[in-house]
Amino acid sequence: MLKAIAHPVRLCIVKGLLDEEGCNVTKMQNCLNMPQSTISQHLAKLKAAGVVEGRRHGVEIKYYLVNEDVRKILKAIF
């Protein structure tokens, strides 16, 4: 789990989801100034580690921080 959030981009993604739940890739893309494909690759690693979860809302998928241990770690760090 720590390895999954250790990458600077993934750490930024989960920190953003801690601050604002239910974010889509387009909003992350605008915030991080990175290509959508890069963000999607990082989200796939976070989903595989059980850190985030994507939920479909109509035509978009919103991502949520679902791992309580990661939430506690981030609150302690930030």
PDB file of N, CA and C in Angstrom:
ATOM      1  N   MET A   1       0.829  -1.182   0.000  1.00  0.00           N
ATOM      2  CA  MET A   1       0.000   0.000   0.000  1.00  0.00           C
ATOM      3  C   MET A   1       0.881   1.257   0.000  1.00  0.00           C
ATOM      4  N   LEU A   2       1.908   1.274   0.834  1.00  0.00           N
ATOM      5  CA  LEU A   2       2.788   2.447   0.867  1.00  0.00           C
ATOM      6  C   LEU A   2       3.524   2.622  -0.455  1.00  0.00           C
ATOM      7  N   LYS A   3       3.879   1.515  -1.074  1.00  0.00           N
ATOM      8  CA  LYS A   3       4.549   1.585  -2.372  1.00  0.00           C
ATOM      9  C   LYS A   3       3.623   2.201  -3.416  1.00  0.00           C
ATOM     10  N   ALA A   4       2.348   1.904  -3.319  1.00  0.00           N
ATOM     11  CA  ALA A   4       1.381   2.432  -4.287  1.00  0.00           C
ATOM     12  C   ALA A   4       1.249   3.948  -4.189  1.00  0.00           C
ATOM     13  N   ILE A   5       1.343   4.504  -2.988  1.00  0.00           N
ATOM     14  CA  ILE A   5       1.180   5.951  -2.841  1.00  0.00           C
ATOM     15  C   ILE A   5       2.518   6.687  -2.785  1.00  0.00           C
ATOM     16  N   ALA A   6       3.639   5.956  -2.891  1.00  0.00           N
ATOM     17  CA  ALA A   6       4.957   6.577  -2.773  1.00  0.00           C
ATOM     18  C   ALA A   6       5.333   7.439  -3.978  1.00  0.00           C
ATOM     19  N   HIS A   7       4.810   7.118  -5.152  1.00  0.00           N
ATOM     20  CA  HIS A   7       5.128   7.895  -6.352  1.00  0.00           C
ATOM     21  C   HIS A   7       4.536   9.304  -6.207  1.00  0.00           C
ATOM     22  N   PRO A   8       5.294  10.346  -6.562  1.00  0.00           N
ATOM     23  CA  PRO A   8       4.801  11.724  -6.381  1.00  0.00           C
ATOM     24  C   PRO A   8       3.452  12.009  -7.047  1.00  0.00           C
ATOM     25  N   VAL A   9       3.241  11.479  -8.243  1.00  0.00           N
ATOM     26  CA  VAL A   9       1.970  11.723  -8.937  1.00  0.00           C
ATOM     27  C   VAL A   9       0.829  11.025  -8.204  1.00  0.00           C
ATOM     28  N   ARG A  10       1.033   9.778  -7.793  1.00  0.00           N
ATOM     29  CA  ARG A  10      -0.019   9.050  -7.077  1.00  0.00           C
ATOM     30  C   ARG A  10      -0.285   9.685  -5.724  1.00  0.00           C
ATOM     31  N   LEU A  11       0.755  10.166  -5.072  1.00  0.00           N
ATOM     32  CA  LEU A  11       0.563  10.848  -3.788  1.00  0.00           C
ATOM     33  C   LEU A  11      -0.274  12.114  -3.985  1.00  0.00           C
ATOM     34  N   CYS A  12      -0.018  12.823  -5.067  1.00  0.00           N
ATOM     35  CA  CYS A  12      -0.796  14.021  -5.373  1.00  0.00           C
ATOM     36  C   CYS A  12      -2.253  13.665  -5.673  1.00  0.00           C
ATOM     37  N   ILE A  13      -2.470  12.563  -6.376  1.00  0.00           N
ATOM     38  CA  ILE A  13      -3.829  12.119  -6.696  1.00  0.00           C
ATOM     39  C   ILE A  13      -4.595  11.786  -5.419  1.00  0.00           C
ATOM     40  N   VAL A  14      -3.992  10.975  -4.545  1.00  0.00           N
ATOM     41  CA  VAL A  14      -4.718  10.582  -3.329  1.00  0.00           C
ATOM     42  C   VAL A  14      -4.892  11.760  -2.381  1.00  0.00           C
ATOM     43  N   LYS A  15      -3.932  12.692  -2.347  1.00  0.00           N
ATOM     44  CA  LYS A  15      -4.090  13.900  -1.528  1.00  0.00           C
ATOM     45  C   LYS A  15      -5.258  14.724  -2.054  1.00  0.00           C
ATOM     46  N   GLY A  16      -5.361  14.824  -3.381  1.00  0.00           N
ATOM     47  CA  GLY A  16      -6.482  15.548  -3.977  1.00  0.00           C
ATOM     48  C   GLY A  16      -7.810  14.887  -3.674  1.00  0.00           C
ATOM     49  N   LEU A  17      -7.838  13.543  -3.682  1.00  0.00           N
ATOM     50  CA  LEU A  17      -9.074  12.831  -3.364  1.00  0.00           C
ATOM     51  C   LEU A  17      -9.417  12.920  -1.883  1.00  0.00           C
ATOM     52  N   LEU A  18      -8.402  13.084  -1.045  1.00  0.00           N
ATOM     53  CA  LEU A  18      -8.660  13.294   0.382  1.00  0.00           C
ATOM     54  C   LEU A  18      -9.347  14.643   0.587  1.00  0.00           C
ATOM     55  N   ASP A  19      -8.884  15.648  -0.161  1.00  0.00           N
ATOM     56  CA  ASP A  19      -9.455  16.994  -0.041  1.00  0.00           C
ATOM     57  C   ASP A  19     -10.816  17.111  -0.713  1.00  0.00           C
ATOM     58  N   GLU A  20     -10.981  16.430  -1.849  1.00  0.00           N
ATOM     59  CA  GLU A  20     -12.236  16.534  -2.600  1.00  0.00           C
ATOM     60  C   GLU A  20     -12.625  15.164  -3.155  1.00  0.00           C
ATOM     61  N   GLU A  21     -13.536  14.502  -2.482  1.00  0.00           N
ATOM     62  CA  GLU A  21     -14.000  13.176  -2.918  1.00  0.00           C
ATOM     63  C   GLU A  21     -14.797  13.299  -4.217  1.00  0.00           C
ATOM     64  N   GLY A  22     -14.746  12.266  -5.014  1.00  0.00           N
ATOM     65  CA  GLY A  22     -15.557  12.215  -6.224  1.00  0.00           C
ATOM     66  C   GLY A  22     -15.016  13.064  -7.345  1.00  0.00           C
ATOM     67  N   CYS A  23     -13.766  12.851  -7.682  1.00  0.00           N
ATOM     68  CA  CYS A  23     -13.113  13.628  -8.730  1.00  0.00           C
ATOM     69  C   CYS A  23     -12.980  12.761  -9.989  1.00  0.00           C
ATOM     70  N   ASN A  24     -13.167  13.367 -11.160  1.00  0.00           N
ATOM     71  CA  ASN A  24     -12.995  12.604 -12.398  1.00  0.00           C
ATOM     72  C   ASN A  24     -11.609  12.878 -12.997  1.00  0.00           C
ATOM     73  N   VAL A  25     -11.240  12.094 -14.003  1.00  0.00           N
ATOM     74  CA  VAL A  25      -9.902  12.190 -14.587  1.00  0.00           C
ATOM     75  C   VAL A  25      -9.665  13.556 -15.226  1.00  0.00           C
ATOM     76  N   THR A  26     -10.677  14.127 -15.845  1.00  0.00           N
ATOM     77  CA  THR A  26     -10.519  15.429 -16.495  1.00  0.00           C
ATOM     78  C   THR A  26     -10.135  16.500 -15.488  1.00  0.00           C
ATOM     79  N   LYS A  27     -10.768  16.483 -14.326  1.00  0.00           N
ATOM     80  CA  LYS A  27     -10.427  17.468 -13.294  1.00  0.00           C
ATOM     81  C   LYS A  27      -9.006  17.243 -12.784  1.00  0.00           C
ATOM     82  N   MET A  28      -8.633  15.977 -12.603  1.00  0.00           N
ATOM     83  CA  MET A  28      -7.259  15.662 -12.178  1.00  0.00           C
ATOM     84  C   MET A  28      -6.261  16.119 -13.235  1.00  0.00           C
ATOM     85  N   GLN A  29      -6.606  15.908 -14.495  1.00  0.00           N
ATOM     86  CA  GLN A  29      -5.745  16.286 -15.606  1.00  0.00           C
ATOM     87  C   GLN A  29      -5.496  17.793 -15.592  1.00  0.00           C
ATOM     88  N   ASN A  30      -6.532  18.575 -15.387  1.00  0.00           N
ATOM     89  CA  ASN A  30      -6.393  20.033 -15.341  1.00  0.00           C
ATOM     90  C   ASN A  30      -5.589  20.477 -14.130  1.00  0.00           C
ATOM     91  N   CYS A  31      -5.774  19.801 -13.021  1.00  0.00           N
ATOM     92  CA  CYS A  31      -5.080  20.156 -11.785  1.00  0.00           C
ATOM     93  C   CYS A  31      -3.592  19.800 -11.848  1.00  0.00           C
ATOM     94  N   LEU A  32      -3.286  18.631 -12.404  1.00  0.00           N
ATOM     95  CA  LEU A  32      -1.905  18.143 -12.417  1.00  0.00           C
ATOM     96  C   LEU A  32      -1.121  18.527 -13.673  1.00  0.00           C
ATOM     97  N   ASN A  33      -1.815  19.059 -14.690  1.00  0.00           N
ATOM     98  CA  ASN A  33      -1.178  19.402 -15.971  1.00  0.00           C
ATOM     99  C   ASN A  33      -0.424  18.211 -16.563  1.00  0.00           C
ATOM    100  N   MET A  34      -1.108  17.078 -16.625  1.00  0.00           N
ATOM    101  CA  MET A  34      -0.534  15.857 -17.181  1.00  0.00           C
ATOM    102  C   MET A  34      -1.524  15.265 -18.167  1.00  0.00           C
ATOM    103  N   PRO A  35      -1.023  14.449 -19.089  1.00  0.00           N
ATOM    104  CA  PRO A  35      -1.934  13.787 -20.030  1.00  0.00           C
ATOM    105  C   PRO A  35      -2.892  12.834 -19.314  1.00  0.00           C
ATOM    106  N   GLN A  36      -4.063  12.691 -19.867  1.00  0.00           N
ATOM    107  CA  GLN A  36      -5.080  11.820 -19.282  1.00  0.00           C
ATOM    108  C   GLN A  36      -4.588  10.384 -19.183  1.00  0.00           C
ATOM    109  N   SER A  37      -3.825   9.943 -20.178  1.00  0.00           N
ATOM    110  CA  SER A  37      -3.338   8.563 -20.169  1.00  0.00           C
ATOM    111  C   SER A  37      -2.395   8.310 -18.993  1.00  0.00           C
ATOM    112  N   THR A  38      -1.578   9.292 -18.647  1.00  0.00           N
ATOM    113  CA  THR A  38      -0.661   9.154 -17.513  1.00  0.00           C
ATOM    114  C   THR A  38      -1.441   9.028 -16.211  1.00  0.00           C
ATOM    115  N   ILE A  39      -2.436   9.868 -16.046  1.00  0.00           N
ATOM    116  CA  ILE A  39      -3.251   9.835 -14.827  1.00  0.00           C
ATOM    117  C   ILE A  39      -4.005   8.521 -14.750  1.00  0.00           C
ATOM    118  N   SER A  40      -4.533   8.051 -15.872  1.00  0.00           N
ATOM    119  CA  SER A  40      -5.254   6.782 -15.890  1.00  0.00           C
ATOM    120  C   SER A  40      -4.354   5.616 -15.495  1.00  0.00           C
ATOM    121  N   GLN A  41      -3.096   5.629 -15.924  1.00  0.00           N
ATOM    122  CA  GLN A  41      -2.156   4.579 -15.551  1.00  0.00           C
ATOM    123  C   GLN A  41      -1.908   4.587 -14.039  1.00  0.00           C
ATOM    124  N   HIS A  42      -1.743   5.769 -13.479  1.00  0.00           N
ATOM    125  CA  HIS A  42      -1.526   5.870 -12.035  1.00  0.00           C
ATOM    126  C   HIS A  42      -2.784   5.455 -11.261  1.00  0.00           C
ATOM    127  N   LEU A  43      -3.943   5.833 -11.761  1.00  0.00           N
ATOM    128  CA  LEU A  43      -5.191   5.419 -11.111  1.00  0.00           C
ATOM    129  C   LEU A  43      -5.355   3.908 -11.146  1.00  0.00           C
ATOM    130  N   ALA A  44      -4.928   3.270 -12.235  1.00  0.00           N
ATOM    131  CA  ALA A  44      -5.014   1.815 -12.333  1.00  0.00           C
ATOM    132  C   ALA A  44      -4.163   1.149 -11.250  1.00  0.00           C
ATOM    133  N   LYS A  45      -2.986   1.690 -10.991  1.00  0.00           N
ATOM    134  CA  LYS A  45      -2.132   1.137  -9.926  1.00  0.00           C
ATOM    135  C   LYS A  45      -2.755   1.352  -8.553  1.00  0.00           C
ATOM    136  N   LEU A  46      -3.354   2.518  -8.358  1.00  0.00           N
ATOM    137  CA  LEU A  46      -4.008   2.788  -7.069  1.00  0.00           C
ATOM    138  C   LEU A  46      -5.229   1.893  -6.876  1.00  0.00           C
ATOM    139  N   LYS A  47      -5.981   1.640  -7.951  1.00  0.00           N
ATOM    140  CA  LYS A  47      -7.144   0.739  -7.857  1.00  0.00           C
ATOM    141  C   LYS A  47      -6.693  -0.682  -7.564  1.00  0.00           C
ATOM    142  N   ALA A  48      -5.628  -1.124  -8.216  1.00  0.00           N
ATOM    143  CA  ALA A  48      -5.119  -2.487  -8.003  1.00  0.00           C
ATOM    144  C   ALA A  48      -4.647  -2.686  -6.563  1.00  0.00           C
ATOM    145  N   ALA A  49      -4.156  -1.624  -5.945  1.00  0.00           N
ATOM    146  CA  ALA A  49      -3.687  -1.698  -4.560  1.00  0.00           C
ATOM    147  C   ALA A  49      -4.830  -1.531  -3.561  1.00  0.00           C
ATOM    148  N   GLY A  50      -6.025  -1.238  -4.052  1.00  0.00           N
ATOM    149  CA  GLY A  50      -7.172  -1.067  -3.159  1.00  0.00           C
ATOM    150  C   GLY A  50      -7.214   0.278  -2.458  1.00  0.00           C
ATOM    151  N   VAL A  51      -6.535   1.267  -3.036  1.00  0.00           N
ATOM    152  CA  VAL A  51      -6.483   2.595  -2.431  1.00  0.00           C
ATOM    153  C   VAL A  51      -7.658   3.452  -2.890  1.00  0.00           C
ATOM    154  N   VAL A  52      -7.977   3.397  -4.184  1.00  0.00           N
ATOM    155  CA  VAL A  52      -9.086   4.181  -4.728  1.00  0.00           C
ATOM    156  C   VAL A  52     -10.077   3.257  -5.418  1.00  0.00           C
ATOM    157  N   GLU A  53     -11.255   3.813  -5.668  1.00  0.00           N
ATOM    158  CA  GLU A  53     -12.319   3.079  -6.343  1.00  0.00           C
ATOM    159  C   GLU A  53     -12.999   4.036  -7.308  1.00  0.00           C
ATOM    160  N   GLY A  54     -13.312   3.529  -8.497  1.00  0.00           N
ATOM    161  CA  GLY A  54     -14.024   4.329  -9.477  1.00  0.00           C
ATOM    162  C   GLY A  54     -15.498   3.956  -9.481  1.00  0.00           C
ATOM    163  N   ARG A  55     -16.353   4.959  -9.456  1.00  0.00           N
ATOM    164  CA  ARG A  55     -17.801   4.734  -9.490  1.00  0.00           C
ATOM    165  C   ARG A  55     -18.393   5.518 -10.651  1.00  0.00           C
ATOM    166  N   ARG A  56     -19.193   4.829 -11.442  1.00  0.00           N
ATOM    167  CA  ARG A  56     -19.793   5.458 -12.615  1.00  0.00           C
ATOM    168  C   ARG A  56     -20.971   6.335 -12.200  1.00  0.00           C
ATOM    169  N   HIS A  57     -20.958   7.574 -12.723  1.00  0.00           N
ATOM    170  CA  HIS A  57     -22.045   8.532 -12.539  1.00  0.00           C
ATOM    171  C   HIS A  57     -22.430   9.019 -13.932  1.00  0.00           C
ATOM    172  N   GLY A  58     -23.424   8.367 -14.516  1.00  0.00           N
ATOM    173  CA  GLY A  58     -23.806   8.707 -15.888  1.00  0.00           C
ATOM    174  C   GLY A  58     -22.713   8.297 -16.851  1.00  0.00           C
ATOM    175  N   VAL A  59     -22.166   9.257 -17.586  1.00  0.00           N
ATOM    176  CA  VAL A  59     -21.124   8.944 -18.564  1.00  0.00           C
ATOM    177  C   VAL A  59     -19.714   9.097 -18.003  1.00  0.00           C
ATOM    178  N   GLU A  60     -19.589   9.603 -16.793  1.00  0.00           N
ATOM    179  CA  GLU A  60     -18.251   9.795 -16.227  1.00  0.00           C
ATOM    180  C   GLU A  60     -18.002   8.848 -15.054  1.00  0.00           C
ATOM    181  N   ILE A  61     -16.731   8.653 -14.772  1.00  0.00           N
ATOM    182  CA  ILE A  61     -16.337   7.843 -13.623  1.00  0.00           C
ATOM    183  C   ILE A  61     -15.668   8.774 -12.623  1.00  0.00           C
ATOM    184  N   LYS A  62     -16.166   8.763 -11.406  1.00  0.00           N
ATOM    185  CA  LYS A  62     -15.579   9.557 -10.336  1.00  0.00           C
ATOM    186  C   LYS A  62     -14.792   8.628  -9.425  1.00  0.00           C
ATOM    187  N   TYR A  63     -13.668   9.117  -8.950  1.00  0.00           N
ATOM    188  CA  TYR A  63     -12.786   8.316  -8.118  1.00  0.00           C
ATOM    189  C   TYR A  63     -12.860   8.769  -6.673  1.00  0.00           C
ATOM    190  N   TYR A  64     -12.794   7.779  -5.782  1.00  0.00           N
ATOM    191  CA  TYR A  64     -12.919   8.017  -4.351  1.00  0.00           C
ATOM    192  C   TYR A  64     -11.799   7.312  -3.610  1.00  0.00           C
ATOM    193  N   LEU A  65     -11.304   7.926  -2.569  1.00  0.00           N
ATOM    194  CA  LEU A  65     -10.321   7.309  -1.687  1.00  0.00           C
ATOM    195  C   LEU A  65     -11.071   6.377  -0.751  1.00  0.00           C
ATOM    196  N   VAL A  66     -10.810   5.064  -0.839  1.00  0.00           N
ATOM    197  CA  VAL A  66     -11.598   4.092  -0.077  1.00  0.00           C
ATOM    198  C   VAL A  66     -10.797   3.371   1.008  1.00  0.00           C
ATOM    199  N   ASN A  67      -9.494   3.545   1.025  1.00  0.00           N
ATOM    200  CA  ASN A  67      -8.670   2.850   2.007  1.00  0.00           C
ATOM    201  C   ASN A  67      -8.496   3.733   3.239  1.00  0.00           C
ATOM    202  N   GLU A  68      -9.029   3.288   4.349  1.00  0.00           N
ATOM    203  CA  GLU A  68      -8.985   4.092   5.579  1.00  0.00           C
ATOM    204  C   GLU A  68      -7.566   4.232   6.127  1.00  0.00           C
ATOM    205  N   ASP A  69      -6.727   3.214   5.932  1.00  0.00           N
ATOM    206  CA  ASP A  69      -5.341   3.316   6.397  1.00  0.00           C
ATOM    207  C   ASP A  69      -4.597   4.414   5.643  1.00  0.00           C
ATOM    208  N   VAL A  70      -4.808   4.494   4.348  1.00  0.00           N
ATOM    209  CA  VAL A  70      -4.185   5.552   3.546  1.00  0.00           C
ATOM    210  C   VAL A  70      -4.728   6.908   3.972  1.00  0.00           C
ATOM    211  N   ARG A  71      -6.012   6.966   4.236  1.00  0.00           N
ATOM    212  CA  ARG A  71      -6.620   8.226   4.700  1.00  0.00           C
ATOM    213  C   ARG A  71      -5.952   8.699   5.996  1.00  0.00           C
ATOM    214  N   LYS A  72      -5.716   7.782   6.935  1.00  0.00           N
ATOM    215  CA  LYS A  72      -5.064   8.125   8.210  1.00  0.00           C
ATOM    216  C   LYS A  72      -3.624   8.585   7.988  1.00  0.00           C
ATOM    217  N   ILE A  73      -2.920   7.879   7.108  1.00  0.00           N
ATOM    218  CA  ILE A  73      -1.526   8.238   6.805  1.00  0.00           C
ATOM    219  C   ILE A  73      -1.452   9.641   6.214  1.00  0.00           C
ATOM    220  N   LEU A  74      -2.331   9.926   5.263  1.00  0.00           N
ATOM    221  CA  LEU A  74      -2.320  11.244   4.623  1.00  0.00           C
ATOM    222  C   LEU A  74      -2.677  12.344   5.601  1.00  0.00           C
ATOM    223  N   LYS A  75      -3.620  12.092   6.481  1.00  0.00           N
ATOM    224  CA  LYS A  75      -3.985  13.106   7.471  1.00  0.00           C
ATOM    225  C   LYS A  75      -2.831  13.375   8.422  1.00  0.00           C
ATOM    226  N   ALA A  76      -2.052  12.335   8.738  1.00  0.00           N
ATOM    227  CA  ALA A  76      -0.899  12.519   9.613  1.00  0.00           C
ATOM    228  C   ALA A  76       0.218  13.300   8.906  1.00  0.00           C
ATOM    229  N   ILE A  77       0.378  13.054   7.595  1.00  0.00           N
ATOM    230  CA  ILE A  77       1.433  13.726   6.826  1.00  0.00           C
ATOM    231  C   ILE A  77       1.071  15.177   6.553  1.00  0.00           C
ATOM    232  N   PHE A  78      -0.162  15.396   6.110  1.00  0.00           N
ATOM    233  CA  PHE A  78      -0.568  16.743   5.705  1.00  0.00           C
ATOM    234  C   PHE A  78      -1.376  17.395   6.785  1.00  0.00           C
TER     235      PHE A  78
END
